[in-house]
Amino acid sequence: MGVEANEVIGFQCAFWSLLESAIANPSASEVGVVFEQLPSSAVEALANDFKSLQGQSRLMDHLPELGRVKLSATPLTSPVGAVLLITSEKENPLTKPPPPPPSPLSESQSVSSLKSFVSRIVVRGACPYTDSTSIAATSIPGVTPGPVGYRYSSESNAAAVLKVFWENCLELYSTPESSLSTILLSLPSVAPWEDGPPGHARFAAIAELISRYLCFFKADSTFGLVHFHPRYDRDMIHPVNAPSYGNLPPLDWINPMIEHLGGDEVLAPEELELANYQRRSPHTMINILRASQLDAATGGKSIVKMKMGEDEVEASGINTYVRNARKMRDIGASELAGALSMEIAGKGREQHHEHQQQVAAEETTVQWTRYYSEEHSRHYLHNEKTGETRWE
């Protein structure tokens, strides 16, 4: 459609800002906007795709607020440009978005808990090119390391979230990588932990919406995405058995990846499930990356053809995904779940470490008394504090 990256970003910022305003107004409204510099085909394509999106109940069941809006595009008489007409119906219970959490995390709370997660998971192995919570893109040939930008929004409305996302893309695009390497966008009001499985479904829908419109005008050649959520479950991400932009590969691809790399290890289902923890942040978060850095880091060896039973599929990043799956397995479910719970509660890595030390100290000071059972002709240990019995 002949749209440059800066035009895509500006168009998307304007488009989602207009949708946010329409949806924030509970009354019916209508507004027409002229996009003079864009090809009319680009504006028409967006309007048509949005209509297609609204016909997908799999997504719209979790994005009800987008159901109020109707789009139409009319080309201008000049060689380029079009008028985009945005019509919104009066809000009703079926088109009302889920309410935001009553007490959303503040920016300082969000950044603090997120830094704990980054230190615990990302820096300690999940990303080989990040060795601190403040500097990214280290050890990539030809790339200058730069600061990690922690950004925050309390928005929960899907259109507002998309607006904030594209504003952050604009900031990253407009800033030299030596001044801003990557952005971690905290969205604590989007499907928080306490929303349970329905919240994860809304997160997955919003994440898919973001990925959809990033790729729609080929802006994925400029930016990369990584999606995070406290209940992240790859088996609940569409499509389950195929790659999903910004998400982990299907979990049943991990063992074939190990085999492709020459390993004979087979991870059990419960071990594969632990791989989700590399994407289980204390709140919804999007890592916005520079595609140029991803290209420099992976070169031409990222995508390989891999056997999946009788079929052959294309997979990327297999060394990283295998390494991280093994790392999550080695850490173990108890440690991973405990650390995440404390981060969700607003407690950082240091407090989690103190908690572990306290538990370990209690375990070493527990008094066990040894007895002999005449009935069983065996000795056993009894814990007076917990009531636990261990037979020798």
Protein backbone atom coordinates (compact mmCIF):
# COMPACT_ATOMS: atom_id res chain seq x y z
CA MET A 1 0.00 0.00 0.00
CA GLY A 2 3.07 2.25 -0.17
CA VAL A 3 2.99 3.58 3.41
CA GLU A 4 6.26 4.51 5.11
CA ALA A 5 6.98 3.53 8.74
CA ASN A 6 6.60 7.07 10.10
CA GLU A 7 3.27 7.43 8.24
CA VAL A 8 2.03 4.11 9.64
CA ILE A 9 2.88 5.12 13.20
CA GLY A 10 1.27 8.55 12.86
CA PHE A 11 -1.84 7.11 11.22
CA GLN A 12 -2.25 4.45 13.90
CA CYS A 13 -1.76 6.98 16.71
CA ALA A 14 -4.45 9.21 15.21
CA PHE A 15 -6.82 6.35 14.42
CA TRP A 16 -6.78 4.77 17.88
CA SER A 17 -6.96 8.17 19.57
CA LEU A 18 -10.15 8.89 17.63
CA LEU A 19 -11.58 5.49 18.55
CA GLU A 20 -10.71 6.05 22.21
CA SER A 21 -12.60 9.36 22.20
CA ALA A 22 -15.62 7.80 20.52
CA ILE A 23 -15.73 4.89 22.97
CA ALA A 24 -15.12 7.07 26.04
CA ASN A 25 -18.28 9.02 25.13
CA PRO A 26 -21.29 6.90 26.22
CA SER A 27 -23.55 8.82 23.82
CA ALA A 28 -23.86 8.18 20.10
CA SER A 29 -21.45 10.22 17.99
CA GLU A 30 -20.10 10.66 14.49
CA VAL A 31 -16.85 12.19 13.32
CA GLY A 32 -15.15 12.40 9.93
CA VAL A 33 -11.39 12.75 9.62
CA VAL A 34 -9.44 13.59 6.48
CA PHE A 35 -6.13 11.80 5.94
CA GLU A 36 -4.64 13.80 3.08
CA GLN A 37 -1.18 12.28 2.82
CA LEU A 38 -2.06 8.57 2.94
CA PRO A 39 -3.06 6.45 -0.06
CA SER A 40 -6.83 6.04 -0.02
CA SER A 41 -6.26 2.29 -0.38
CA ALA A 42 -4.51 2.24 3.02
CA VAL A 43 -7.39 4.00 4.79
CA GLU A 44 -9.95 1.79 3.06
CA ALA A 45 -7.97 -1.34 3.94
CA LEU A 46 -7.97 -0.43 7.63
CA ALA A 47 -11.72 0.25 7.63
CA ASN A 48 -12.40 -3.07 5.89
CA ASP A 49 -10.14 -5.02 8.22
CA PHE A 50 -11.78 -3.45 11.27
CA LYS A 51 -15.14 -4.61 9.92
CA SER A 52 -13.69 -8.08 9.47
CA LEU A 53 -12.40 -8.00 13.05
CA GLN A 54 -15.89 -7.18 14.32
CA GLY A 55 -17.17 -10.36 12.69
CA GLN A 56 -14.80 -12.54 14.72
CA SER A 57 -16.67 -13.52 17.89
CA ARG A 58 -13.55 -15.27 19.20
CA LEU A 59 -12.05 -11.81 19.70
CA MET A 60 -15.10 -9.58 20.04
CA ASP A 61 -16.46 -11.59 22.98
CA HIS A 62 -13.53 -10.12 24.92
CA LEU A 63 -13.43 -6.69 23.22
CA PRO A 64 -17.07 -5.58 23.56
CA GLU A 65 -16.28 -1.85 23.49
CA LEU A 66 -15.09 -2.12 19.88
CA GLY A 67 -18.54 -3.34 18.86
CA ARG A 68 -19.99 0.17 19.22
CA VAL A 69 -17.92 1.63 16.40
CA LYS A 70 -18.56 1.52 12.65
CA LEU A 71 -15.99 2.67 10.10
CA SER A 72 -16.27 3.71 6.47
CA ALA A 73 -13.70 5.26 4.15
CA THR A 74 -14.30 7.49 1.11
CA PRO A 75 -11.42 8.38 -1.28
CA LEU A 76 -10.77 12.07 -1.94
CA THR A 77 -10.92 13.40 -5.49
CA SER A 78 -7.20 14.16 -5.31
CA PRO A 79 -4.68 11.42 -6.18
CA VAL A 80 -4.17 10.47 -2.51
CA GLY A 81 -6.10 10.75 0.73
CA ALA A 82 -9.44 9.61 2.12
CA VAL A 83 -12.11 10.57 4.62
CA LEU A 84 -12.54 8.12 7.49
CA LEU A 85 -16.00 8.26 9.05
CA ILE A 86 -16.24 6.94 12.63
CA THR A 87 -19.77 6.33 13.90
CA SER A 88 -20.39 5.09 17.44
CA GLU A 89 -23.65 3.81 18.88
CA LYS A 90 -24.89 4.66 22.36
CA GLU A 91 -23.21 2.53 24.99
CA ASN A 92 -25.23 -0.41 26.30
CA PRO A 93 -24.43 -3.31 28.67
CA LEU A 94 -23.32 -5.51 25.76
CA THR A 95 -20.75 -2.97 24.51
CA LYS A 96 -19.41 -1.84 27.87
CA PRO A 97 -15.79 -2.84 28.56
CA PRO A 98 -14.83 -4.68 31.77
CA PRO A 99 -14.40 -2.21 34.62
CA PRO A 100 -10.82 -1.30 35.57
CA PRO A 101 -9.49 -2.66 38.87
CA PRO A 102 -10.67 -0.62 41.89
CA SER A 103 -7.09 0.01 43.03
CA PRO A 104 -4.73 -0.23 40.05
CA LEU A 105 -1.01 -0.32 40.69
CA SER A 106 0.68 3.06 40.63
CA GLU A 107 3.50 3.73 38.20
CA SER A 108 6.18 3.32 40.89
CA GLN A 109 4.64 0.05 42.10
CA SER A 110 4.39 -1.30 38.57
CA VAL A 111 7.97 -0.42 37.67
CA SER A 112 9.32 -1.82 40.93
CA SER A 113 7.58 -5.20 40.54
CA LEU A 114 8.45 -5.34 36.84
CA LYS A 115 12.14 -4.69 37.52
CA SER A 116 12.08 -7.58 39.97
CA PHE A 117 10.66 -9.82 37.25
CA VAL A 118 13.19 -8.60 34.68
CA SER A 119 16.03 -9.24 37.09
CA ARG A 120 14.71 -12.69 38.07
CA ILE A 121 13.79 -14.03 34.61
CA VAL A 122 15.09 -11.88 31.76
CA VAL A 123 18.53 -10.88 33.03
CA ARG A 124 19.24 -14.29 34.54
CA GLY A 125 18.99 -16.18 31.30
CA ALA A 126 15.80 -15.58 29.29
CA CYS A 127 17.50 -12.95 27.14
CA PRO A 128 21.22 -13.35 26.37
CA TYR A 129 21.46 -9.71 25.30
CA THR A 130 20.28 -8.11 28.54
CA ASP A 131 22.53 -8.19 31.60
CA SER A 132 20.83 -5.58 33.79
CA THR A 133 17.41 -4.08 34.41
CA SER A 134 18.51 -0.72 33.01
CA ILE A 135 20.60 -1.44 29.87
CA ALA A 136 19.56 -3.57 26.87
CA ALA A 137 21.07 -4.79 23.59
CA THR A 138 24.40 -5.68 25.14
CA SER A 139 26.76 -8.04 23.29
CA ILE A 140 24.99 -7.60 19.92
CA PRO A 141 27.54 -6.99 17.17
CA GLY A 142 27.13 -3.59 15.56
CA VAL A 143 24.48 -2.42 18.06
CA THR A 144 25.06 0.27 20.67
CA PRO A 145 23.59 -0.69 24.07
CA GLY A 146 21.05 1.75 25.42
CA PRO A 147 18.66 2.36 28.31
CA VAL A 148 15.56 0.29 28.94
CA GLY A 149 12.52 2.57 28.93
CA TYR A 150 9.95 1.69 31.60
CA ARG A 151 6.61 3.14 30.55
CA TYR A 152 3.23 2.97 32.28
CA SER A 153 -0.45 3.42 31.50
CA SER A 154 -3.49 2.84 33.71
CA GLU A 155 -5.77 2.52 30.66
CA SER A 156 -7.97 -0.57 30.35
CA ASN A 157 -10.15 0.34 27.34
CA ALA A 158 -8.88 -1.61 24.31
CA ALA A 159 -8.79 1.45 22.02
CA ALA A 160 -6.95 3.50 24.65
CA VAL A 161 -4.42 0.70 25.11
CA LEU A 162 -3.78 0.62 21.35
CA LYS A 163 -3.33 4.39 21.35
CA VAL A 164 -0.78 4.18 24.17
CA PHE A 165 1.01 1.33 22.42
CA TRP A 166 1.42 3.31 19.18
CA GLU A 167 2.52 6.42 21.09
CA ASN A 168 5.29 4.31 22.61
CA CYS A 169 6.20 2.99 19.17
CA LEU A 170 6.49 6.60 18.03
CA GLU A 171 8.78 7.42 20.95
CA LEU A 172 11.01 4.43 20.22
CA TYR A 173 11.11 5.23 16.49
CA SER A 174 11.96 8.89 17.12
CA THR A 175 14.70 8.29 19.71
CA PRO A 176 18.26 7.10 18.95
CA GLU A 177 18.89 3.59 20.26
CA SER A 178 21.81 4.87 22.32
CA SER A 179 19.24 6.94 24.27
CA LEU A 180 16.40 4.39 24.28
CA SER A 181 17.09 0.78 23.34
CA THR A 182 13.74 -0.85 24.11
CA ILE A 183 10.45 -0.13 25.92
CA LEU A 184 8.69 -2.17 28.60
CA LEU A 185 5.10 -0.89 28.66
CA SER A 186 3.26 -1.72 31.89
CA LEU A 187 -0.51 -2.05 31.60
CA PRO A 188 -1.61 -3.11 35.11
CA SER A 189 -5.29 -2.30 34.52
CA VAL A 190 -5.52 -4.67 31.54
CA ALA A 191 -6.74 -8.07 32.75
CA PRO A 192 -5.01 -8.09 36.15
CA TRP A 193 -4.30 -11.33 38.01
CA GLU A 194 -7.48 -11.16 40.08
CA ASP A 195 -9.63 -11.28 36.92
CA GLY A 196 -8.78 -15.00 36.63
CA PRO A 197 -9.06 -17.00 33.37
CA PRO A 198 -11.56 -14.53 31.78
CA GLY A 199 -8.91 -11.86 32.27
CA HIS A 200 -6.35 -13.96 30.43
CA ALA A 201 -8.79 -14.28 27.52
CA ARG A 202 -9.11 -10.48 27.34
CA PHE A 203 -5.33 -10.09 27.55
CA ALA A 204 -4.93 -12.58 24.69
CA ALA A 205 -7.49 -10.68 22.59
CA ILE A 206 -5.82 -7.30 23.18
CA ALA A 207 -2.38 -8.80 22.50
CA GLU A 208 -3.67 -10.28 19.24
CA LEU A 209 -5.23 -6.91 18.33
CA ILE A 210 -1.88 -5.17 18.87
CA SER A 211 0.01 -7.77 16.83
CA ARG A 212 -2.63 -7.69 14.10
CA TYR A 213 -2.34 -3.97 13.45
CA LEU A 214 1.42 -3.92 13.87
CA CYS A 215 1.70 -6.45 11.05
CA PHE A 216 -1.16 -4.97 8.98
CA PHE A 217 0.98 -2.20 7.45
CA LYS A 218 4.19 -4.23 7.82
CA ALA A 219 5.37 -2.24 10.84
CA ASP A 220 6.74 -5.55 12.14
CA SER A 221 9.73 -4.79 9.90
CA THR A 222 10.42 -1.86 12.27
CA PHE A 223 9.30 -3.22 15.65
CA GLY A 224 9.21 -6.55 17.44
CA LEU A 225 6.85 -7.51 20.26
CA VAL A 226 6.93 -9.77 23.30
CA HIS A 227 3.69 -10.22 25.26
CA PHE A 228 3.55 -10.86 29.03
CA HIS A 229 0.76 -11.56 31.53
CA PRO A 230 0.68 -12.94 35.11
CA ARG A 231 -1.43 -15.94 34.02
CA TYR A 232 0.28 -16.40 30.65
CA ASP A 233 -0.71 -19.76 29.18
CA ARG A 234 0.48 -20.56 25.66
CA ASP A 235 -2.15 -23.29 25.35
CA MET A 236 -4.81 -20.55 25.59
CA ILE A 237 -3.27 -18.32 22.90
CA HIS A 238 -4.64 -18.44 19.33
CA PRO A 239 -3.57 -20.31 17.29
CA VAL A 240 -2.70 -23.04 19.77
CA ASN A 241 -0.76 -25.24 17.33
CA ALA A 242 0.96 -22.61 15.19
CA PRO A 243 3.18 -19.55 15.79
CA SER A 244 1.49 -16.46 17.24
CA TYR A 245 3.26 -13.13 16.80
CA GLY A 246 4.81 -11.89 20.04
CA ASN A 247 4.15 -15.14 21.90
CA LEU A 248 5.99 -18.32 22.82
CA PRO A 249 5.94 -21.10 20.24
CA PRO A 250 3.38 -23.87 20.85
CA LEU A 251 4.58 -25.82 23.87
CA ASP A 252 4.39 -29.11 22.00
CA TRP A 253 7.09 -27.72 19.67
CA ILE A 254 9.70 -27.65 22.46
CA ASN A 255 10.61 -31.35 22.39
CA PRO A 256 10.95 -31.37 18.56
CA MET A 257 13.20 -28.31 18.96
CA ILE A 258 15.38 -30.26 21.39
CA GLU A 259 15.53 -33.12 18.92
CA HIS A 260 16.37 -30.74 16.07
CA LEU A 261 19.34 -29.48 18.09
CA GLY A 262 20.59 -33.03 18.53
CA GLY A 263 19.32 -33.65 22.05
CA ASP A 264 17.57 -36.81 23.23
CA GLU A 265 15.93 -35.27 26.29
CA VAL A 266 12.12 -35.28 26.46
CA LEU A 267 10.41 -32.78 28.73
CA ALA A 268 7.29 -34.05 30.48
CA PRO A 269 4.00 -32.11 30.03
CA GLU A 270 4.27 -30.55 33.49
CA GLU A 271 7.85 -29.46 32.68
CA LEU A 272 6.77 -27.94 29.37
CA GLU A 273 4.04 -25.99 31.16
CA LEU A 274 6.69 -24.29 33.29
CA ALA A 275 8.00 -22.59 30.14
CA ASN A 276 5.02 -20.22 30.50
CA TYR A 277 6.75 -18.62 33.49
CA GLN A 278 9.22 -16.80 31.23
CA ARG A 279 6.19 -14.73 30.14
CA ARG A 280 4.43 -14.53 33.52
CA SER A 281 5.12 -10.98 34.63
CA PRO A 282 3.41 -9.41 37.69
CA HIS A 283 1.00 -7.52 35.39
CA THR A 284 0.22 -7.20 31.69
CA MET A 285 3.26 -5.85 29.88
CA ILE A 286 4.45 -5.41 26.30
CA ASN A 287 8.12 -5.32 25.36
CA ILE A 288 8.47 -3.16 22.25
CA LEU A 289 11.75 -3.98 20.48
CA ARG A 290 13.66 -2.61 17.53
CA ALA A 291 13.52 -5.08 14.64
CA SER A 292 16.99 -3.95 13.59
CA GLN A 293 18.39 -5.23 16.87
CA LEU A 294 16.59 -8.56 16.49
CA ASP A 295 18.02 -8.94 12.99
CA ALA A 296 21.53 -8.12 14.20
CA ALA A 297 21.22 -10.60 17.08
CA THR A 298 19.87 -13.56 15.09
CA GLY A 299 21.29 -12.94 11.61
CA GLY A 300 20.08 -15.39 8.96
CA LYS A 301 20.08 -18.42 11.24
CA SER A 302 16.97 -17.71 13.27
CA ILE A 303 14.42 -19.54 11.07
CA VAL A 304 14.93 -23.26 10.49
CA LYS A 305 12.86 -26.09 9.06
CA MET A 306 11.99 -28.58 11.78
CA LYS A 307 10.33 -32.00 11.78
CA MET A 308 7.01 -32.25 13.61
CA GLY A 309 5.98 -35.88 13.30
CA GLU A 310 5.36 -36.45 9.61
CA ASP A 311 5.25 -32.72 8.87
CA GLU A 312 7.89 -30.04 8.53
CA VAL A 313 7.42 -26.58 10.04
CA GLU A 314 9.41 -23.36 10.15
CA ALA A 315 10.55 -22.37 13.62
CA SER A 316 12.66 -19.48 14.88
CA GLY A 317 14.71 -18.84 18.00
CA ILE A 318 14.88 -22.53 18.89
CA ASN A 319 18.14 -22.28 20.87
CA THR A 320 16.64 -19.58 23.09
CA TYR A 321 13.32 -21.37 23.61
CA VAL A 322 14.99 -24.69 24.45
CA ARG A 323 17.43 -23.05 26.85
CA ASN A 324 14.65 -21.14 28.60
CA ALA A 325 12.36 -24.19 28.88
CA ARG A 326 15.19 -26.12 30.54
CA LYS A 327 15.94 -23.18 32.83
CA MET A 328 12.32 -22.92 33.98
CA ARG A 329 12.30 -26.69 34.58
CA ASP A 330 15.47 -26.48 36.65
CA ILE A 331 14.16 -23.60 38.78
CA GLY A 332 10.97 -25.53 39.50
CA ALA A 333 7.31 -24.74 39.96
CA SER A 334 7.49 -23.84 43.65
CA GLU A 335 10.23 -21.25 43.24
CA LEU A 336 8.70 -19.73 40.10
CA ALA A 337 5.18 -19.49 41.54
CA GLY A 338 6.40 -18.13 44.86
CA ALA A 339 8.50 -15.37 43.30
CA LEU A 340 5.69 -14.34 40.94
CA SER A 341 3.16 -14.23 43.80
CA MET A 342 5.36 -11.85 45.76
CA GLU A 343 5.87 -9.61 42.72
CA ILE A 344 2.10 -9.50 42.12
CA ALA A 345 1.72 -8.50 45.76
CA GLY A 346 4.21 -5.69 45.18
CA LYS A 347 7.20 -7.35 46.82
CA GLY A 348 10.48 -7.51 44.98
CA ARG A 349 13.21 -10.06 44.55
CA GLU A 350 15.03 -9.09 47.76
CA GLN A 351 11.92 -9.65 49.85
CA HIS A 352 11.32 -12.97 48.13
CA HIS A 353 14.88 -14.03 48.93
CA GLU A 354 14.37 -13.03 52.59
CA HIS A 355 11.14 -15.05 52.65
CA GLN A 356 12.97 -18.12 51.30
CA GLN A 357 15.68 -17.77 53.92
CA GLN A 358 13.06 -17.52 56.64
CA VAL A 359 11.30 -20.67 55.42
CA ALA A 360 14.61 -22.52 55.21
CA ALA A 361 15.52 -21.42 58.72
CA GLU A 362 12.17 -22.63 60.06
CA GLU A 363 12.66 -25.98 58.38
CA THR A 364 16.10 -26.44 59.96
CA THR A 365 14.84 -25.60 63.44
CA VAL A 366 11.83 -27.93 63.36
CA GLN A 367 12.11 -30.51 66.13
CA TRP A 368 11.58 -34.15 65.13
CA THR A 369 11.20 -36.83 67.79
CA ARG A 370 12.12 -40.44 67.08
CA TYR A 371 9.77 -43.21 68.23
CA TYR A 372 9.47 -46.96 67.83
CA SER A 373 6.19 -48.61 66.77
CA GLU A 374 5.69 -52.04 68.30
CA GLU A 375 2.77 -52.69 65.93
CA HIS A 376 4.84 -52.05 62.80
CA SER A 377 8.24 -53.00 64.22
CA ARG A 378 9.68 -49.78 62.74
CA HIS A 379 11.10 -46.49 63.92
CA TYR A 380 9.46 -43.24 62.83
CA LEU A 381 9.93 -39.49 63.24
CA HIS A 382 7.10 -37.25 64.49
CA ASN A 383 6.93 -33.46 64.11
CA GLU A 384 5.08 -32.05 67.12
CA LYS A 385 4.59 -28.69 65.40
CA THR A 386 3.06 -29.87 62.14
CA GLY A 387 1.80 -33.32 63.13
CA GLU A 388 3.76 -34.87 60.23
CA THR A 389 5.06 -38.43 60.58
CA ARG A 390 7.93 -39.93 58.60
CA TRP A 391 8.62 -43.68 58.69
CA GLU A 392 12.21 -44.86 58.58
